[in-house]
C-alpha atoms as a PDB file:
ATOM      1  CA  MET A   1     -24.363  97.355  75.124  1.00  0.00           C
ATOM      2  CA  ARG A   2     -27.918  98.495  74.372  1.00  0.00           C
ATOM      3  CA  ILE A   3     -28.636 102.051  75.445  1.00  0.00           C
ATOM      4  CA  THR A   4     -32.140 102.829  76.701  1.00  0.00           C
ATOM      5  CA  PHE A   5     -33.586 106.315  76.499  1.00  0.00           C
ATOM      6  CA  GLY A   6     -33.603 106.463  80.295  1.00  0.00           C
ATOM      7  CA  MET A   7     -29.848 105.833  80.296  1.00  0.00           C
ATOM      8  CA  LEU A   8     -29.442 108.517  77.673  1.00  0.00           C
ATOM      9  CA  LEU A   9     -31.270 111.061  79.828  1.00  0.00           C
ATOM     10  CA  ALA A  10     -29.362 110.059  82.948  1.00  0.00           C
ATOM     11  CA  VAL A  11     -26.016 110.481  81.230  1.00  0.00           C
ATOM     12  CA  LEU A  12     -26.859 113.735  79.514  1.00  0.00           C
ATOM     13  CA  ALA A  13     -28.438 115.202  82.636  1.00  0.00           C
ATOM     14  CA  SER A  14     -25.071 114.847  84.348  1.00  0.00           C
ATOM     15  CA  VAL A  15     -23.223 116.679  81.599  1.00  0.00           C
ATOM     16  CA  PRO A  16     -21.952 120.127  82.668  1.00  0.00           C
ATOM     17  CA  LEU A  17     -23.561 123.029  80.860  1.00  0.00           C
ATOM     18  CA  SER A  18     -20.205 123.836  79.289  1.00  0.00           C
ATOM     19  CA  ALA A  19     -20.003 120.371  77.709  1.00  0.00           C
ATOM     20  CA  GLN A  20     -21.658 119.357  74.471  1.00  0.00           C
ATOM     21  CA  ALA A  21     -23.837 116.294  74.089  1.00  0.00           C
ATOM     22  CA  ARG A  22     -24.262 114.350  70.856  1.00  0.00           C
ATOM     23  CA  VAL A  23     -25.946 111.116  69.790  1.00  0.00           C
ATOM     24  CA  ALA A  24     -25.054 108.532  67.173  1.00  0.00           C
ATOM     25  CA  THR A  25     -27.278 108.780  64.102  1.00  0.00           C
ATOM     26  CA  VAL A  26     -26.703 105.278  62.687  1.00  0.00           C
ATOM     27  CA  ASP A  27     -25.912 101.811  63.994  1.00  0.00           C
ATOM     28  CA  ALA A  28     -22.546 100.104  64.262  1.00  0.00           C
ATOM     29  CA  ILE A  29     -20.465 103.267  64.480  1.00  0.00           C
ATOM     30  CA  ARG A  30     -16.890 102.413  65.422  1.00  0.00           C
ATOM     31  CA  LEU A  31     -15.565 104.228  68.477  1.00  0.00           C
ATOM     32  CA  ARG A  32     -11.856 104.326  67.658  1.00  0.00           C
ATOM     33  CA  ALA A  33      -8.677 104.862  69.642  1.00  0.00           C
ATOM     34  CA  GLY A  34      -7.614 107.723  67.380  1.00  0.00           C
ATOM     35  CA  PRO A  35      -9.011 110.196  64.837  1.00  0.00           C
ATOM     36  CA  SER A  36      -8.619 107.901  61.864  1.00  0.00           C
ATOM     37  CA  ALA A  37     -10.523 105.148  60.085  1.00  0.00           C
ATOM     38  CA  THR A  38      -7.447 102.961  60.536  1.00  0.00           C
ATOM     39  CA  ALA A  39      -7.208 103.476  64.311  1.00  0.00           C
ATOM     40  CA  ALA A  40      -8.006 100.485  66.505  1.00  0.00           C
ATOM     41  CA  PRO A  41     -11.722 100.109  67.360  1.00  0.00           C
ATOM     42  CA  VAL A  42     -12.621 100.555  71.025  1.00  0.00           C
ATOM     43  CA  ARG A  43     -16.215  99.402  70.735  1.00  0.00           C
ATOM     44  CA  THR A  44     -19.293  99.646  68.475  1.00  0.00           C
ATOM     45  CA  LEU A  45     -22.019 102.192  69.161  1.00  0.00           C
ATOM     46  CA  ASP A  46     -25.730 101.551  68.667  1.00  0.00           C
ATOM     47  CA  ILE A  47     -28.073 104.026  67.032  1.00  0.00           C
ATOM     48  CA  ALA A  48     -29.012 106.900  69.390  1.00  0.00           C
ATOM     49  CA  THR A  49     -26.104 106.121  71.741  1.00  0.00           C
ATOM     50  CA  PRO A  50     -25.538 109.194  73.964  1.00  0.00           C
ATOM     51  CA  LEU A  51     -22.098 110.751  73.722  1.00  0.00           C
ATOM     52  CA  VAL A  52     -20.384 113.582  75.581  1.00  0.00           C
ATOM     53  CA  LEU A  53     -18.062 115.687  73.483  1.00  0.00           C
ATOM     54  CA  GLU A  54     -14.571 116.117  74.905  1.00  0.00           C
ATOM     55  CA  GLY A  55     -12.506 118.954  73.522  1.00  0.00           C
ATOM     56  CA  ASN A  56     -13.629 121.648  71.103  1.00  0.00           C
ATOM     57  CA  GLY A  57     -15.351 119.257  68.701  1.00  0.00           C
ATOM     58  CA  ALA A  58     -13.798 120.771  65.613  1.00  0.00           C
ATOM     59  CA  GLY A  59     -12.667 118.724  62.637  1.00  0.00           C
ATOM     60  CA  GLU A  60     -13.789 115.589  60.835  1.00  0.00           C
ATOM     61  CA  TRP A  61     -13.246 113.443  63.936  1.00  0.00           C
ATOM     62  CA  VAL A  62     -14.339 114.287  67.499  1.00  0.00           C
ATOM     63  CA  ARG A  63     -13.314 112.828  70.832  1.00  0.00           C
ATOM     64  CA  VAL A  64     -16.259 111.566  72.886  1.00  0.00           C
ATOM     65  CA  ARG A  65     -17.184 109.664  76.021  1.00  0.00           C
ATOM     66  CA  ALA A  66     -19.909 107.008  75.853  1.00  0.00           C
ATOM     67  CA  ALA A  67     -22.468 106.144  78.549  1.00  0.00           C
ATOM     68  CA  ASP A  68     -20.364 103.249  79.855  1.00  0.00           C
ATOM     69  CA  GLY A  69     -17.312 105.491  80.247  1.00  0.00           C
ATOM     70  CA  ALA A  70     -15.544 104.321  77.087  1.00  0.00           C
ATOM     71  CA  ARG A  71     -13.592 107.091  75.372  1.00  0.00           C
ATOM     72  CA  GLY A  72     -12.545 107.378  71.785  1.00  0.00           C
ATOM     73  CA  TRP A  73     -13.010 109.102  68.463  1.00  0.00           C
ATOM     74  CA  VAL A  74     -15.932 109.059  66.034  1.00  0.00           C
ATOM     75  CA  ARG A  75     -16.638 110.780  62.757  1.00  0.00           C
ATOM     76  CA  ARG A  76     -18.457 113.991  63.484  1.00  0.00           C
ATOM     77  CA  ASP A  77     -20.929 113.551  60.599  1.00  0.00           C
ATOM     78  CA  LEU A  78     -22.224 110.317  62.171  1.00  0.00           C
ATOM     79  CA  THR A  79     -23.458 112.205  65.242  1.00  0.00           C
ATOM     80  CA  VAL A  80     -25.733 115.161  65.863  1.00  0.00           C
ATOM     81  CA  PRO A  81     -26.025 117.650  68.740  1.00  0.00           C
ATOM     82  CA  TYR A  82     -28.443 116.625  71.458  1.00  0.00           C
ATOM     83  CA  ASP A  83     -30.391 118.803  73.877  1.00  0.00           C
ATOM     84  CA  ALA A  84     -31.960 116.823  76.728  1.00  0.00           C
ATOM     85  CA  ALA A  85     -34.589 119.544  77.177  1.00  0.00           C
ATOM     86  CA  ASN A  86     -35.557 119.345  73.499  1.00  0.00           C
ATOM     87  CA  PRO A  87     -34.742 115.914  72.048  1.00  0.00           C
ATOM     88  CA  LEU A  88     -36.974 116.251  68.987  1.00  0.00           C
ATOM     89  CA  PRO A  89     -34.479 117.825  66.514  1.00  0.00           C
ATOM     90  CA  ALA A  90     -31.898 115.093  67.102  1.00  0.00           C
ATOM     91  CA  LEU A  91     -34.407 112.243  67.102  1.00  0.00           C
ATOM     92  CA  ARG A  92     -36.075 113.616  63.973  1.00  0.00           C
ATOM     93  CA  ARG A  93     -32.754 113.559  62.109  1.00  0.00           C
ATOM     94  CA  ILE A  94     -31.933 110.076  63.377  1.00  0.00           C
ATOM     95  CA  THR A  95     -35.346 108.703  62.418  1.00  0.00           C
ATOM     96  CA  GLU A  96     -35.486 110.294  58.971  1.00  0.00           C
ATOM     97  CA  ARG A  97     -31.993 109.022  58.250  1.00  0.00           C
ATOM     98  CA  SER A  98     -32.994 105.531  59.348  1.00  0.00           C
ATOM     99  CA  LEU A  99     -36.229 105.576  57.346  1.00  0.00           C
ATOM    100  CA  ALA A 100     -34.284 106.549  54.233  1.00  0.00           C
ATOM    101  CA  ARG A 101     -32.327 103.299  54.437  1.00  0.00           C
ATOM    102  CA  GLU A 102     -33.953 100.420  52.597  1.00  0.00           C
ATOM    103  CA  ARG A 103     -32.425  97.812  54.909  1.00  0.00           C
ATOM    104  CA  ALA A 104     -30.884  97.879  58.366  1.00  0.00           C
ATOM    105  CA  PRO A 105     -30.360  95.282  61.106  1.00  0.00           C
ATOM    106  CA  LEU A 106     -33.607  94.401  62.850  1.00  0.00           C
ATOM    107  CA  ALA A 107     -32.013  95.140  66.223  1.00  0.00           C
ATOM    108  CA  THR A 108     -31.303  98.681  65.021  1.00  0.00           C
ATOM    109  CA  ARG A 109     -34.881  99.202  63.878  1.00  0.00           C
ATOM    110  CA  ALA A 110     -36.197  97.841  67.181  1.00  0.00           C
ATOM    111  CA  GLN A 111     -33.805 100.021  69.182  1.00  0.00           C
ATOM    112  CA  LEU A 112     -35.013 103.161  67.440  1.00  0.00           C
ATOM    113  CA  VAL A 113     -38.653 102.304  68.212  1.00  0.00           C
ATOM    114  CA  HIS A 114     -37.693 101.860  71.863  1.00  0.00           C
ATOM    115  CA  VAL A 115     -35.798 105.151  72.002  1.00  0.00           C
ATOM    116  CA  LEU A 116     -38.673 107.081  70.439  1.00  0.00           C
ATOM    117  CA  ALA A 117     -41.178 105.460  72.809  1.00  0.00           C
ATOM    118  CA  GLY A 118     -39.198 106.765  75.774  1.00  0.00           C
ATOM    119  CA  ALA A 119     -38.754 110.280  74.453  1.00  0.00           C
ATOM    120  CA  SER A 120     -40.839 113.162  75.713  1.00  0.00           C
ATOM    121  CA  GLY A 121     -41.502 116.490  74.037  1.00  0.00           C
ATOM    122  CA  ALA A 122     -41.690 119.841  75.753  1.00  0.00           C
ATOM    123  CA  THR A 123     -44.769 120.961  73.802  1.00  0.00           C
ATOM    124  CA  PRO A 124     -47.910 119.282  72.408  1.00  0.00           C
ATOM    125  CA  ALA A 125     -46.517 119.698  68.877  1.00  0.00           C
ATOM    126  CA  ALA A 126     -43.238 118.025  69.841  1.00  0.00           C
ATOM    127  CA  ARG A 127     -45.045 115.158  71.548  1.00  0.00           C
ATOM    128  CA  ALA A 128     -47.253 114.647  68.507  1.00  0.00           C
ATOM    129  CA  GLU A 129     -44.277 114.549  66.144  1.00  0.00           C
ATOM    130  CA  LEU A 130     -42.371 112.118  68.355  1.00  0.00           C
ATOM    131  CA  ALA A 131     -45.430 109.847  68.396  1.00  0.00           C
ATOM    132  CA  LEU A 132     -45.649 110.020  64.607  1.00  0.00           C
ATOM    133  CA  LEU A 133     -41.948 109.233  64.239  1.00  0.00           C
ATOM    134  CA  ARG A 134     -42.402 106.222  66.497  1.00  0.00           C
ATOM    135  CA  LEU A 135     -45.294 104.832  64.440  1.00  0.00           C
ATOM    136  CA  ARG A 136     -43.285 105.247  61.245  1.00  0.00           C
ATOM    137  CA  ALA A 137     -40.223 103.631  62.830  1.00  0.00           C
ATOM    138  CA  LEU A 138     -42.409 100.808  64.130  1.00  0.00           C
ATOM    139  CA  GLN A 139     -43.648 100.035  60.611  1.00  0.00           C
ATOM    140  CA  MET A 140     -40.068 100.056  59.331  1.00  0.00           C
ATOM    141  CA  ALA A 141     -39.129  97.586  62.074  1.00  0.00           C
ATOM    142  CA  LEU A 142     -42.062  95.347  61.101  1.00  0.00           C
ATOM    143  CA  ASP A 143     -40.938  95.479  57.464  1.00  0.00           C
ATOM    144  CA  GLU A 144     -37.428  94.483  58.512  1.00  0.00           C
ATOM    145  CA  HIS A 145     -38.807  91.653  60.616  1.00  0.00           C
ATOM    146  CA  ALA A 146     -40.700  90.300  57.600  1.00  0.00           C
ATOM    147  CA  ALA A 147     -37.714  90.697  55.262  1.00  0.00           C
ATOM    148  CA  ALA A 148     -35.354  89.023  57.730  1.00  0.00           C
ATOM    149  CA  GLY A 149     -37.678  86.063  58.367  1.00  0.00           C
ATOM    150  CA  SER A 150     -37.142  86.515  62.094  1.00  0.00           C
ATOM    151  CA  GLY A 151     -40.051  84.408  63.317  1.00  0.00           C
ATOM    152  CA  ALA A 152     -43.818  84.640  63.298  1.00  0.00           C
ATOM    153  CA  ASP A 153     -44.183  87.109  66.158  1.00  0.00           C
ATOM    154  CA  PRO A 154     -42.332  90.436  65.742  1.00  0.00           C
ATOM    155  CA  LEU A 155     -42.742  91.308  69.410  1.00  0.00           C
ATOM    156  CA  ARG A 156     -41.569  87.945  70.754  1.00  0.00           C
ATOM    157  CA  ASP A 157     -39.119  86.906  68.033  1.00  0.00           C
ATOM    158  CA  GLY A 158     -38.046  90.288  66.669  1.00  0.00           C
ATOM    159  CA  GLY A 159     -37.430  92.161  69.900  1.00  0.00           C
ATOM    160  CA  ILE A 160     -39.770  94.983  68.829  1.00  0.00           C
ATOM    161  CA  ARG A 161     -41.468  96.724  71.730  1.00  0.00           C
ATOM    162  CA  ALA A 162     -45.073  97.618  70.956  1.00  0.00           C
ATOM    163  CA  ASP A 163     -48.596  96.847  72.088  1.00  0.00           C
ATOM    164  CA  THR A 164     -50.266  94.019  70.199  1.00  0.00           C
ATOM    165  CA  SER A 165     -53.347  96.226  69.766  1.00  0.00           C
ATOM    166  CA  GLU A 166     -51.261  98.494  67.525  1.00  0.00           C
ATOM    167  CA  LEU A 167     -50.651  95.740  64.984  1.00  0.00           C
ATOM    168  CA  ALA A 168     -52.639  93.844  62.373  1.00  0.00           C
ATOM    169  CA  TYR A 169     -51.525  90.860  60.324  1.00  0.00           C
ATOM    170  CA  GLY A 170     -51.910  90.846  56.554  1.00  0.00           C
ATOM    171  CA  ASP A 171     -52.286  87.268  55.446  1.00  0.00           C
ATOM    172  CA  PRO A 172     -51.823  87.948  51.705  1.00  0.00           C
ATOM    173  CA  GLN A 173     -48.685  89.970  52.386  1.00  0.00           C
ATOM    174  CA  GLY A 174     -47.433  87.595  55.067  1.00  0.00           C
ATOM    175  CA  GLN A 175     -46.407  90.330  57.489  1.00  0.00           C
ATOM    176  CA  TRP A 176     -47.523  92.630  60.274  1.00  0.00           C
ATOM    177  CA  PHE A 177     -48.579  96.262  59.885  1.00  0.00           C
ATOM    178  CA  VAL A 178     -49.183  99.187  62.189  1.00  0.00           C
ATOM    179  CA  ARG A 179     -52.920  99.707  62.227  1.00  0.00           C
ATOM    180  CA  ALA A 180     -53.873 102.803  60.249  1.00  0.00           C
ATOM    181  CA  ASP A 181     -56.372 103.750  62.936  1.00  0.00           C
ATOM    182  CA  ARG A 182     -53.426 104.391  65.267  1.00  0.00           C
ATOM    183  CA  PHE A 183     -52.256 107.131  62.896  1.00  0.00           C
ATOM    184  CA  TRP A 184     -55.812 108.484  62.644  1.00  0.00           C
ATOM    185  CA  ALA A 185     -56.232 108.476  66.423  1.00  0.00           C
ATOM    186  CA  LEU A 186     -53.010 110.472  66.735  1.00  0.00           C
ATOM    187  CA  HIS A 187     -54.334 112.865  64.092  1.00  0.00           C
ATOM    188  CA  ASP A 188     -57.644 113.335  65.861  1.00  0.00           C
ATOM    189  CA  ARG A 189     -55.943 114.045  69.190  1.00  0.00           C
ATOM    190  CA  ASN A 190     -53.844 116.743  67.544  1.00  0.00           C
ATOM    191  CA  ARG A 191     -56.317 118.075  65.002  1.00  0.00           C
ATOM    192  CA  ALA A 192     -55.719 121.701  66.028  1.00  0.00           C
ATOM    193  CA  LEU A 193     -51.941 121.532  65.480  1.00  0.00           C
ATOM    194  CA  PRO A 194     -50.152 122.239  62.178  1.00  0.00           C
ATOM    195  CA  ILE A 195     -48.626 118.750  62.229  1.00  0.00           C
ATOM    196  CA  ALA A 196     -52.116 117.233  61.940  1.00  0.00           C
ATOM    197  CA  GLU A 197     -51.954 117.479  58.137  1.00  0.00           C
ATOM    198  CA  SER A 198     -48.738 115.465  57.988  1.00  0.00           C
ATOM    199  CA  ILE A 199     -50.123 112.871  60.398  1.00  0.00           C
ATOM    200  CA  ALA A 200     -53.261 112.548  58.239  1.00  0.00           C
ATOM    201  CA  TRP A 201     -51.169 111.983  55.124  1.00  0.00           C
ATOM    202  CA  HIS A 202     -49.170 109.232  56.813  1.00  0.00           C
ATOM    203  CA  ALA A 203     -52.462 107.718  58.000  1.00  0.00           C
ATOM    204  CA  ALA A 204     -53.909 107.834  54.488  1.00  0.00           C
ATOM    205  CA  THR A 205     -50.839 106.261  52.912  1.00  0.00           C
ATOM    206  CA  GLN A 206     -50.216 103.656  55.601  1.00  0.00           C
ATOM    207  CA  ARG A 207     -50.261 100.217  53.989  1.00  0.00           C
ATOM    208  CA  LEU A 208     -53.256  98.109  54.958  1.00  0.00           C
ATOM    209  CA  PRO A 209     -53.400  94.367  55.622  1.00  0.00           C
ATOM    210  CA  GLY A 210     -55.273  92.314  53.063  1.00  0.00           C
ATOM    211  CA  GLU A 211     -55.976  92.832  49.372  1.00  0.00           C
ATOM    212  CA  CYS A 212     -59.005  93.839  47.296  1.00  0.00           C
ATOM    213  CA  GLU A 213     -58.180  91.172  44.691  1.00  0.00           C
ATOM    214  CA  GLY A 214     -59.699  93.276  41.932  1.00  0.00           C
ATOM    215  CA  ASP A 215     -63.093  93.815  43.567  1.00  0.00           C
ATOM    216  CA  PRO A 216     -64.308  97.327  42.574  1.00  0.00           C
ATOM    217  CA  THR A 217     -66.470  97.708  45.680  1.00  0.00           C
ATOM    218  CA  CYS A 218     -63.453  97.048  47.870  1.00  0.00           C
ATOM    219  CA  VAL A 219     -61.356  99.522  45.880  1.00  0.00           C
ATOM    220  CA  PHE A 220     -64.061 102.179  46.276  1.00  0.00           C
ATOM    221  CA  ARG A 221     -64.051 101.562  50.019  1.00  0.00           C
ATOM    222  CA  LEU A 222     -60.270 101.863  49.996  1.00  0.00           C
ATOM    223  CA  ALA A 223     -60.553 105.272  48.295  1.00  0.00           C
ATOM    224  CA  GLU A 224     -63.050 106.347  50.967  1.00  0.00           C
ATOM    225  CA  ILE A 225     -61.027 105.365  54.023  1.00  0.00           C
ATOM    226  CA  THR A 226     -57.656 106.584  52.763  1.00  0.00           C
ATOM    227  CA  MET A 227     -57.665 109.549  50.388  1.00  0.00           C
ATOM    228  CA  GLY A 228     -61.281 110.413  51.156  1.00  0.00           C
ATOM    229  CA  ARG A 229     -60.622 110.639  54.863  1.00  0.00           C
ATOM    230  CA  TYR A 230     -57.519 112.754  54.325  1.00  0.00           C
ATOM    231  CA  LEU A 231     -59.381 115.178  52.030  1.00  0.00           C
ATOM    232  CA  ALA A 232     -62.329 115.394  54.416  1.00  0.00           C
ATOM    233  CA  SER A 233     -59.964 116.717  57.092  1.00  0.00           C
ATOM    234  CA  HIS A 234     -57.521 118.676  54.914  1.00  0.00           C
ATOM    235  CA  PRO A 235     -59.211 119.600  51.615  1.00  0.00           C
ATOM    236  CA  ARG A 236     -56.557 122.202  50.870  1.00  0.00           C
ATOM    237  CA  GLY A 237     -53.678 120.587  52.680  1.00  0.00           C
ATOM    238  CA  ALA A 238     -50.150 120.245  51.355  1.00  0.00           C
ATOM    239  CA  HIS A 239     -50.884 116.714  50.143  1.00  0.00           C
ATOM    240  CA  ALA A 240     -54.357 117.405  48.734  1.00  0.00           C
ATOM    241  CA  PRO A 241     -53.149 117.361  45.085  1.00  0.00           C
ATOM    242  CA  ALA A 242     -51.462 113.992  45.636  1.00  0.00           C
ATOM    243  CA  ALA A 243     -54.556 112.670  47.420  1.00  0.00           C
ATOM    244  CA  LEU A 244     -56.792 113.724  44.530  1.00  0.00           C
ATOM    245  CA  ARG A 245     -54.412 112.132  42.043  1.00  0.00           C
ATOM    246  CA  GLU A 246     -54.535 108.828  43.914  1.00  0.00           C
ATOM    247  CA  MET A 247     -58.293 109.177  44.352  1.00  0.00           C
ATOM    248  CA  ALA A 248     -58.758 109.617  40.584  1.00  0.00           C
ATOM    249  CA  SER A 249     -56.549 106.579  39.942  1.00  0.00           C
ATOM    250  CA  LEU A 250     -58.560 104.377  42.301  1.00  0.00           C
ATOM    251  CA  LEU A 251     -61.885 105.625  40.949  1.00  0.00           C
ATOM    252  CA  GLY A 252     -60.683 105.063  37.389  1.00  0.00           C
ATOM    253  CA  TYR A 253     -60.094 101.430  38.271  1.00  0.00           C
ATOM    254  CA  VAL A 254     -63.529 101.197  39.875  1.00  0.00           C
ATOM    255  CA  ASP A 255     -65.138 102.809  36.823  1.00  0.00           C
ATOM    256  CA  GLU A 256     -63.464 100.410  34.411  1.00  0.00           C
ATOM    257  CA  ARG A 257     -64.229  97.291  36.428  1.00  0.00           C
ATOM    258  CA  SER A 258     -67.833  98.172  37.265  1.00  0.00           C
ATOM    259  CA  ARG A 259     -69.222  98.850  33.801  1.00  0.00           C
ATOM    260  CA  GLY A 260     -72.097  96.551  32.981  1.00  0.00           C
ATOM    261  CA  SER A 261     -72.054  95.031  36.461  1.00  0.00           C
ATOM    262  CA  SER A 262     -74.338  95.236  39.453  1.00  0.00           C
ATOM    263  CA  PHE A 263     -71.798  97.500  41.108  1.00  0.00           C
ATOM    264  CA  CYS A 264     -74.180  99.324  43.427  1.00  0.00           C
ATOM    265  CA  THR A 265     -75.714  96.186  44.839  1.00  0.00           C
ATOM    266  CA  ARG A 266     -72.469  94.326  45.406  1.00  0.00           C
ATOM    267  CA  THR A 267     -71.305  93.620  48.899  1.00  0.00           C
ATOM    268  CA  GLY A 268     -67.614  93.718  49.662  1.00  0.00           C
ATOM    269  CA  ALA A 269     -65.991  92.547  52.876  1.00  0.00           C
ATOM    270  CA  ASN A 270     -68.471  93.772  55.512  1.00  0.00           C
ATOM    271  CA  TYR A 271     -69.432  96.656  53.256  1.00  0.00           C
ATOM    272  CA  THR A 272     -72.345  97.336  50.912  1.00  0.00           C
ATOM    273  CA  LEU A 273     -71.976 100.286  48.566  1.00  0.00           C
ATOM    274  CA  LYS A 274     -74.987 102.587  48.393  1.00  0.00           C
ATOM    275  CA  PRO A 275     -75.599 105.813  46.411  1.00  0.00           C
ATOM    276  CA  PRO A 276     -75.224 108.084  49.491  1.00  0.00           C
ATOM    277  CA  GLN A 277     -71.594 106.960  49.855  1.00  0.00           C
ATOM    278  CA  ILE A 278     -70.844 108.052  46.303  1.00  0.00           C
ATOM    279  CA  ALA A 279     -72.557 111.401  46.860  1.00  0.00           C
ATOM    280  CA  ALA A 280     -70.688 111.968  50.137  1.00  0.00           C
ATOM    281  CA  LEU A 281     -67.325 111.215  48.555  1.00  0.00           C
ATOM    282  CA  ARG A 282     -68.086 113.527  45.645  1.00  0.00           C
ATOM    283  CA  ARG A 283     -68.838 116.386  48.046  1.00  0.00           C
ATOM    284  CA  ILE A 284     -65.456 115.818  49.698  1.00  0.00           C
ATOM    285  CA  VAL A 285     -63.683 115.780  46.331  1.00  0.00           C
ATOM    286  CA  ASP A 286     -65.477 118.898  45.053  1.00  0.00           C
ATOM    287  CA  ALA A 287     -64.417 120.838  48.165  1.00  0.00           C
ATOM    288  CA  SER A 288     -60.758 119.939  47.698  1.00  0.00           C
ATOM    289  CA  ALA A 289     -57.976 121.669  45.781  1.00  0.00           C
ATOM    290  CA  GLY A 290     -55.880 119.918  43.169  1.00  0.00           C
ATOM    291  CA  ALA A 291     -55.413 119.361  39.460  1.00  0.00           C
ATOM    292  CA  ASP A 292     -57.207 116.001  39.528  1.00  0.00           C
ATOM    293  CA  ARG A 293     -60.316 117.202  41.340  1.00  0.00           C
ATOM    294  CA  ASP A 294     -62.510 117.464  38.245  1.00  0.00           C
ATOM    295  CA  ARG A 295     -61.413 114.065  36.940  1.00  0.00           C
ATOM    296  CA  ALA A 296     -62.229 112.405  40.263  1.00  0.00           C
ATOM    297  CA  SER A 297     -65.535 114.239  40.472  1.00  0.00           C
ATOM    298  CA  LYS A 298     -66.597 113.166  36.964  1.00  0.00           C
ATOM    299  CA  LEU A 299     -65.766 109.563  37.741  1.00  0.00           C
ATOM    300  CA  LEU A 300     -67.927 109.728  40.850  1.00  0.00           C
ATOM    301  CA  GLN A 301     -70.705 111.306  38.804  1.00  0.00           C
ATOM    302  CA  ALA A 302     -70.533 108.417  36.336  1.00  0.00           C
ATOM    303  CA  LEU A 303     -70.646 105.875  39.154  1.00  0.00           C
ATOM    304  CA  ALA A 304     -73.617 107.650  40.694  1.00  0.00           C
ATOM    305  CA  ARG A 305     -75.572 107.447  37.428  1.00  0.00           C
ATOM    306  CA  ARG A 306     -75.193 103.668  37.479  1.00  0.00           C
ATOM    307  CA  CYS A 307     -76.654 103.546  40.950  1.00  0.00           C
ATOM    308  CA  THR A 308     -79.848 105.471  40.241  1.00  0.00           C
END
């Protein structure tokens, strides 16, 4: 039985204040007839299945009631406490645990996306984090769809619930991706919140459809729209050193591949590199904090000399 987030809220809203609510943190948890791994299975629980704790909840195994009324025992460490008024802590733990797994059933990935889409936060910060978790879970579901070979359309064939405008297909990679501009739009809507820095980093590191195929102009553009955009918004952010390190790596490639070429007059895919772009990126780099700032700046200076 698939549990929707609306069902979860309906069940947990009916729980007496004295009772304790929990949710399953992984898929395929066995609800068992007794507090033992050898006890007969009652049914299998999906990820984020709502559970009502029966009894004091102490010990390795806890007795619970599921949304469909089934009762049994589950391992306590496969569930987490759930507060219907503040679902973020539980859903954060569930999502991070799921993202840490290299592989999982596609249905599980799709279910998590659906649960996160239906969740609501009590504050702007909570709503922003839930939206970020959903985008990350959506990409993980798309990765699973590609790995599982579950058909050409992840929404139709994979059971993933999302808007087609959120996705872009990468022909070289042969799979679908969440559009990076969806992460950036979320960042821009929440620019004043502390979580904006984390959203920007996920936006900057989101994989993009297509490949540069060794073209230095394309790689320069990639540096601009990923690490450059992050540093422009968060020059001294928690991930600024990592952004500068990646920036220096990309620019090093551009520097090596552009020597002796007409680099500054080359046109990439819908993009012509001009000296002002180099100068603008150097200003962003020089205003940032990190061990690789000077290296990135010197590489940009060298590129600028070739364009004058």
